[in-house]
C-alpha atoms as a PDB file:
ATOM      1  CA  MET A   1       7.960  19.360 -20.980  1.00  0.00           C
ATOM      2  CA  SER A   2       6.138  20.191 -24.308  1.00  0.00           C
ATOM      3  CA  THR A   3       2.974  17.835 -26.840  1.00  0.00           C
ATOM      4  CA  ALA A   4       2.221  18.079 -29.590  1.00  0.00           C
ATOM      5  CA  HIS A   5      -1.500  18.809 -30.774  1.00  0.00           C
ATOM      6  CA  GLY A   6      -3.105  18.125 -34.194  1.00  0.00           C
ATOM      7  CA  ARG A   7      -6.250  19.576 -34.991  1.00  0.00           C
ATOM      8  CA  ASN A   8      -7.524  19.878 -38.823  1.00  0.00           C
ATOM      9  CA  GLY A   9      -4.204  19.232 -39.756  1.00  0.00           C
ATOM     10  CA  ALA A  10      -2.426  21.773 -37.878  1.00  0.00           C
ATOM     11  CA  TRP A  11      -0.077  21.364 -35.063  1.00  0.00           C
ATOM     12  CA  ARG A  12       0.383  23.386 -31.794  1.00  0.00           C
ATOM     13  CA  TRP A  13       2.772  22.752 -29.198  1.00  0.00           C
ATOM     14  CA  VAL A  14       0.855  22.610 -25.681  1.00  0.00           C
ATOM     15  CA  THR A  15       3.055  23.416 -22.085  1.00  0.00           C
ATOM     16  CA  PRO A  16       1.571  21.914 -19.090  1.00  0.00           C
ATOM     17  CA  GLY A  17       0.018  24.280 -16.481  1.00  0.00           C
ATOM     18  CA  VAL A  18       1.261  24.310 -13.110  1.00  0.00           C
ATOM     19  CA  GLY A  19      -1.904  22.616 -11.749  1.00  0.00           C
ATOM     20  CA  MET A  20      -1.186  19.685 -14.254  1.00  0.00           C
ATOM     21  CA  ILE A  21       2.668  19.561 -13.190  1.00  0.00           C
ATOM     22  CA  ALA A  22       1.719  19.631  -9.461  1.00  0.00           C
ATOM     23  CA  ALA A  23      -0.903  17.008 -10.042  1.00  0.00           C
ATOM     24  CA  VAL A  24       1.275  14.476 -11.679  1.00  0.00           C
ATOM     25  CA  CYS A  25       4.364  15.248  -9.046  1.00  0.00           C
ATOM     26  CA  THR A  26       1.962  15.036  -6.076  1.00  0.00           C
ATOM     27  CA  LEU A  27       0.797  11.433  -7.871  1.00  0.00           C
ATOM     28  CA  LEU A  28       4.725  10.284  -8.421  1.00  0.00           C
ATOM     29  CA  LEU A  29       5.154  11.073  -4.232  1.00  0.00           C
ATOM     30  CA  ALA A  30       1.895   9.214  -3.614  1.00  0.00           C
ATOM     31  CA  PHE A  31       3.707   6.106  -5.448  1.00  0.00           C
ATOM     32  CA  ALA A  32       7.005   6.455  -4.288  1.00  0.00           C
ATOM     33  CA  ALA A  33       5.881   6.599  -0.779  1.00  0.00           C
ATOM     34  CA  CYS A  34       4.536   3.096  -1.278  1.00  0.00           C
ATOM     35  CA  ASP A  35       7.879   1.150  -1.288  1.00  0.00           C
ATOM     36  CA  GLY A  36       6.746  -2.022   0.230  1.00  0.00           C
ATOM     37  CA  GLN A  37       8.452  -0.610   3.710  1.00  0.00           C
ATOM     38  CA  GLY A  38       5.276   1.266   4.797  1.00  0.00           C
ATOM     39  CA  VAL A  39       5.381   4.282   7.038  1.00  0.00           C
ATOM     40  CA  ASP A  40       2.898   4.704   9.749  1.00  0.00           C
ATOM     41  CA  GLU A  41       1.074   8.242   9.651  1.00  0.00           C
ATOM     42  CA  ALA A  42       1.755   8.343  13.393  1.00  0.00           C
ATOM     43  CA  ASP A  43       5.287   7.751  12.603  1.00  0.00           C
ATOM     44  CA  LEU A  44       5.864  11.315  10.473  1.00  0.00           C
ATOM     45  CA  GLY A  45       8.691  13.369  12.076  1.00  0.00           C
ATOM     46  CA  VAL A  46       9.273  10.947  14.572  1.00  0.00           C
ATOM     47  CA  THR A  47      13.082  10.742  15.331  1.00  0.00           C
ATOM     48  CA  VAL A  48      15.037   7.646  16.885  1.00  0.00           C
ATOM     49  CA  VAL A  49      18.158   7.668  17.952  1.00  0.00           C
ATOM     50  CA  ALA A  50      21.007   5.123  18.224  1.00  0.00           C
ATOM     51  CA  ALA A  51      24.051   5.920  20.563  1.00  0.00           C
ATOM     52  CA  MET A  52      27.383   4.525  19.307  1.00  0.00           C
ATOM     53  CA  ALA A  53      30.633   3.021  20.423  1.00  0.00           C
ATOM     54  CA  GLY A  54      33.278   1.291  19.497  1.00  0.00           C
ATOM     55  CA  PRO A  55      34.305  -1.962  20.511  1.00  0.00           C
ATOM     56  CA  ASP A  56      35.987  -1.006  23.939  1.00  0.00           C
ATOM     57  CA  GLY A  57      32.472   0.838  24.686  1.00  0.00           C
ATOM     58  CA  VAL A  58      33.386   4.317  24.350  1.00  0.00           C
ATOM     59  CA  SER A  59      30.870   6.428  22.710  1.00  0.00           C
ATOM     60  CA  MET A  60      31.564   7.608  19.609  1.00  0.00           C
ATOM     61  CA  GLY A  61      28.653   9.813  18.770  1.00  0.00           C
ATOM     62  CA  THR A  62      25.137   9.319  18.095  1.00  0.00           C
ATOM     63  CA  VAL A  63      22.846   8.629  14.550  1.00  0.00           C
ATOM     64  CA  ALA A  64      19.594  10.335  14.215  1.00  0.00           C
ATOM     65  CA  LEU A  65      17.107   8.734  11.826  1.00  0.00           C
ATOM     66  CA  THR A  66      13.513  11.015  11.403  1.00  0.00           C
ATOM     67  CA  GLN A  67      10.702   9.573  10.085  1.00  0.00           C
ATOM     68  CA  GLY A  68       9.275  11.241   6.602  1.00  0.00           C
ATOM     69  CA  PRO A  69       6.543  10.668   4.063  1.00  0.00           C
ATOM     70  CA  ASN A  70       9.198   9.309   1.238  1.00  0.00           C
ATOM     71  CA  GLY A  71      11.722   7.810   3.224  1.00  0.00           C
ATOM     72  CA  MET A  72      13.890   8.410   6.792  1.00  0.00           C
ATOM     73  CA  LEU A  73      16.619  11.394   7.036  1.00  0.00           C
ATOM     74  CA  VAL A  74      19.641   9.554   8.706  1.00  0.00           C
ATOM     75  CA  SER A  75      22.355  12.148  10.642  1.00  0.00           C
ATOM     76  CA  ALA A  76      24.826  10.729  11.629  1.00  0.00           C
ATOM     77  CA  ASP A  77      27.423  13.141  14.237  1.00  0.00           C
ATOM     78  CA  LEU A  78      30.460  11.016  14.868  1.00  0.00           C
ATOM     79  CA  THR A  79      33.851  10.757  16.712  1.00  0.00           C
ATOM     80  CA  GLY A  80      36.953   8.749  17.084  1.00  0.00           C
ATOM     81  CA  LEU A  81      36.824   7.177  13.462  1.00  0.00           C
ATOM     82  CA  THR A  82      39.869   7.101  11.346  1.00  0.00           C
ATOM     83  CA  GLU A  83      40.518   9.465   8.676  1.00  0.00           C
ATOM     84  CA  GLY A  84      39.062   8.320   5.522  1.00  0.00           C
ATOM     85  CA  TRP A  85      35.664   7.077   4.007  1.00  0.00           C
ATOM     86  CA  HIS A  86      33.826   4.466   6.435  1.00  0.00           C
ATOM     87  CA  GLY A  87      30.818   2.037   5.185  1.00  0.00           C
ATOM     88  CA  PHE A  88      27.647   3.046   6.903  1.00  0.00           C
ATOM     89  CA  HIS A  89      24.495   0.435   7.139  1.00  0.00           C
ATOM     90  CA  ILE A  90      21.625  -0.450   8.743  1.00  0.00           C
ATOM     91  CA  HIS A  91      22.170  -3.717   9.990  1.00  0.00           C
ATOM     92  CA  GLU A  92      19.010  -6.662  11.004  1.00  0.00           C
ATOM     93  CA  THR A  93      19.231  -6.737  14.544  1.00  0.00           C
ATOM     94  CA  GLY A  94      18.863  -4.868  17.172  1.00  0.00           C
ATOM     95  CA  SER A  95      22.293  -5.824  19.261  1.00  0.00           C
ATOM     96  CA  CYS A  96      25.627  -4.566  19.585  1.00  0.00           C
ATOM     97  CA  ALA A  97      26.941  -7.412  22.134  1.00  0.00           C
ATOM     98  CA  PRO A  98      29.683  -8.644  22.395  1.00  0.00           C
ATOM     99  CA  ASP A  99      31.522  -7.576  19.370  1.00  0.00           C
ATOM    100  CA  PHE A 100      28.901  -5.943  17.120  1.00  0.00           C
ATOM    101  CA  SER A 101      28.115  -9.627  15.270  1.00  0.00           C
ATOM    102  CA  ALA A 102      24.880  -9.769  17.012  1.00  0.00           C
ATOM    103  CA  ALA A 103      23.748  -6.764  14.797  1.00  0.00           C
ATOM    104  CA  GLY A 104      23.660  -9.460  11.721  1.00  0.00           C
ATOM    105  CA  GLY A 105      23.781  -8.173   7.706  1.00  0.00           C
ATOM    106  CA  HIS A 106      22.163  -5.532   6.342  1.00  0.00           C
ATOM    107  CA  LEU A 107      18.301  -5.277   6.937  1.00  0.00           C
ATOM    108  CA  ASN A 108      17.126  -6.496   3.917  1.00  0.00           C
ATOM    109  CA  PRO A 109      13.859  -7.770   4.356  1.00  0.00           C
ATOM    110  CA  ASP A 110      13.263  -8.240   0.842  1.00  0.00           C
ATOM    111  CA  ASP A 111      16.540 -10.338   0.121  1.00  0.00           C
ATOM    112  CA  LYS A 112      17.600  -7.353  -2.353  1.00  0.00           C
ATOM    113  CA  GLY A 113      21.406  -7.581  -4.000  1.00  0.00           C
ATOM    114  CA  HIS A 114      23.921  -5.153  -2.267  1.00  0.00           C
ATOM    115  CA  GLY A 115      25.323  -2.313  -3.605  1.00  0.00           C
ATOM    116  CA  PHE A 116      24.556   1.327  -5.476  1.00  0.00           C
ATOM    117  CA  LEU A 117      26.245  -0.226  -8.201  1.00  0.00           C
ATOM    118  CA  HIS A 118      24.641  -3.775  -8.432  1.00  0.00           C
ATOM    119  CA  GLY A 119      21.045  -3.759  -9.104  1.00  0.00           C
ATOM    120  CA  PRO A 120      18.305  -3.316  -6.894  1.00  0.00           C
ATOM    121  CA  ASN A 121      19.588  -2.648  -3.198  1.00  0.00           C
ATOM    122  CA  HIS A 122      18.350  -3.188  -0.187  1.00  0.00           C
ATOM    123  CA  PRO A 123      17.326  -0.894   2.352  1.00  0.00           C
ATOM    124  CA  GLY A 124      20.475  -1.454   5.121  1.00  0.00           C
ATOM    125  CA  ASP A 125      22.584   0.184   1.996  1.00  0.00           C
ATOM    126  CA  MET A 126      23.275   3.951   2.745  1.00  0.00           C
ATOM    127  CA  PRO A 127      26.378   5.960   1.212  1.00  0.00           C
ATOM    128  CA  ASN A 128      29.627   6.052   2.660  1.00  0.00           C
ATOM    129  CA  ILE A 129      30.479   8.644   5.166  1.00  0.00           C
ATOM    130  CA  TYR A 130      33.800  10.427   5.535  1.00  0.00           C
ATOM    131  CA  ALA A 131      35.845  11.000   8.986  1.00  0.00           C
ATOM    132  CA  GLY A 132      38.195  13.947   9.003  1.00  0.00           C
ATOM    133  CA  ALA A 133      41.913  14.240  10.229  1.00  0.00           C
ATOM    134  CA  ASP A 134      40.444  15.014  13.623  1.00  0.00           C
ATOM    135  CA  GLY A 135      37.949  11.584  13.565  1.00  0.00           C
ATOM    136  CA  THR A 136      34.702  13.035  13.182  1.00  0.00           C
ATOM    137  CA  ALA A 137      32.176  12.463  11.040  1.00  0.00           C
ATOM    138  CA  ARG A 138      28.966  14.330  10.162  1.00  0.00           C
ATOM    139  CA  ALA A 139      26.610  13.708   7.862  1.00  0.00           C
ATOM    140  CA  ASN A 140      22.973  13.142   6.343  1.00  0.00           C
ATOM    141  CA  VAL A 141      21.551  10.620   4.327  1.00  0.00           C
ATOM    142  CA  PHE A 142      18.005  10.357   2.680  1.00  0.00           C
ATOM    143  CA  ASN A 143      17.286   6.683   2.842  1.00  0.00           C
ATOM    144  CA  THR A 144      14.438   6.141   0.530  1.00  0.00           C
ATOM    145  CA  GLN A 145      13.661   2.177   1.189  1.00  0.00           C
ATOM    146  CA  ALA A 146      13.662   2.369   5.072  1.00  0.00           C
ATOM    147  CA  SER A 147      10.959   3.204   7.284  1.00  0.00           C
ATOM    148  CA  LEU A 148      10.340   3.129  11.293  1.00  0.00           C
ATOM    149  CA  LYS A 149       8.044   0.273  10.545  1.00  0.00           C
ATOM    150  CA  SER A 150      10.473  -1.923   9.238  1.00  0.00           C
ATOM    151  CA  ILE A 151      13.420  -0.956  11.847  1.00  0.00           C
ATOM    152  CA  LEU A 152      11.637  -1.504  15.071  1.00  0.00           C
ATOM    153  CA  ASP A 153      10.690  -4.699  14.299  1.00  0.00           C
ATOM    154  CA  ASP A 154      10.604  -7.361  16.781  1.00  0.00           C
ATOM    155  CA  ASP A 155      14.555  -7.548  16.962  1.00  0.00           C
ATOM    156  CA  GLY A 156      14.959  -4.125  16.058  1.00  0.00           C
ATOM    157  CA  ALA A 157      17.979  -2.696  14.080  1.00  0.00           C
ATOM    158  CA  ALA A 158      21.142  -0.852  14.676  1.00  0.00           C
ATOM    159  CA  ILE A 159      23.463   0.904  12.999  1.00  0.00           C
ATOM    160  CA  ILE A 160      27.399  -0.294  12.133  1.00  0.00           C
ATOM    161  CA  VAL A 161      30.088   1.739  10.646  1.00  0.00           C
ATOM    162  CA  HIS A 162      32.838  -0.038   9.326  1.00  0.00           C
ATOM    163  CA  ALA A 163      36.490   0.260   8.588  1.00  0.00           C
ATOM    164  CA  LYS A 164      36.955   0.574   5.131  1.00  0.00           C
ATOM    165  CA  PRO A 165      34.129   2.451   2.433  1.00  0.00           C
ATOM    166  CA  ASP A 166      31.865   0.007   0.997  1.00  0.00           C
ATOM    167  CA  SER A 167      32.470  -1.377  -2.541  1.00  0.00           C
ATOM    168  CA  TYR A 168      28.845  -0.229  -3.378  1.00  0.00           C
ATOM    169  CA  GLY A 169      29.224  -3.708  -5.255  1.00  0.00           C
ATOM    170  CA  ALA A 170      27.768  -6.990  -4.923  1.00  0.00           C
ATOM    171  CA  ASP A 171      30.198  -8.135  -1.857  1.00  0.00           C
ATOM    172  CA  PRO A 172      30.373  -4.903   0.530  1.00  0.00           C
ATOM    173  CA  GLY A 173      34.179  -5.341   1.263  1.00  0.00           C
ATOM    174  CA  ALA A 174      33.887  -2.454   3.837  1.00  0.00           C
ATOM    175  CA  GLY A 175      36.152  -4.613   6.938  1.00  0.00           C
ATOM    176  CA  ASP A 176      35.725  -4.331  10.635  1.00  0.00           C
ATOM    177  CA  ARG A 177      32.656  -3.287  12.621  1.00  0.00           C
ATOM    178  CA  VAL A 178      34.400   0.064  14.346  1.00  0.00           C
ATOM    179  CA  ALA A 179      31.370   1.224  15.708  1.00  0.00           C
ATOM    180  CA  CYS A 180      27.652   0.176  16.420  1.00  0.00           C
ATOM    181  CA  GLY A 181      24.566   1.615  18.215  1.00  0.00           C
ATOM    182  CA  VAL A 182      21.064   0.240  18.531  1.00  0.00           C
ATOM    183  CA  ILE A 183      18.494   2.466  17.114  1.00  0.00           C
ATOM    184  CA  ASN A 184      16.047   3.005  19.939  1.00  0.00           C
ATOM    185  CA  ARG A 185      12.508   4.739  20.002  1.00  0.00           C
ATOM    186  CA  ASN A 186      12.998   5.953  22.941  1.00  0.00           C
END
């Protein structure tokens, strides 16, 4: 990135130094952290885990969420899925009983629209995950809109895996809920 500066009618190109670039990057990161969800300093580096289960109660693995300064790393290690793409979301209520419907809709505290391709999306939206022929899915997703503060509120939150992929549009279209896990601090 260069800029032109003129003095006494002569123009020259000035390339910012490393110090200036570092200062600008620091400011951009600070502004990125101010996403409205808030990050408590005490939560930095804290990991919470959702033990995932199918509708029959059989274990389907875990999803770990680790708080960073600019969002959360969401790490899935799942089994027992059908081969293919699956919708993968944070839902608004920390309950999976009796049929996963208790988890409610996607985590959406600011009432934003749904889908990466539809416009400003909400913290519950995450990329689809892929399960191989053996039914396993391992994924790391970085969610810049969610935080432990927004997830561990009075009614908690849950991770849901759907039967089909999310459309990334206004209507999720991801089908049935095939795995659910309540996000717990301990």
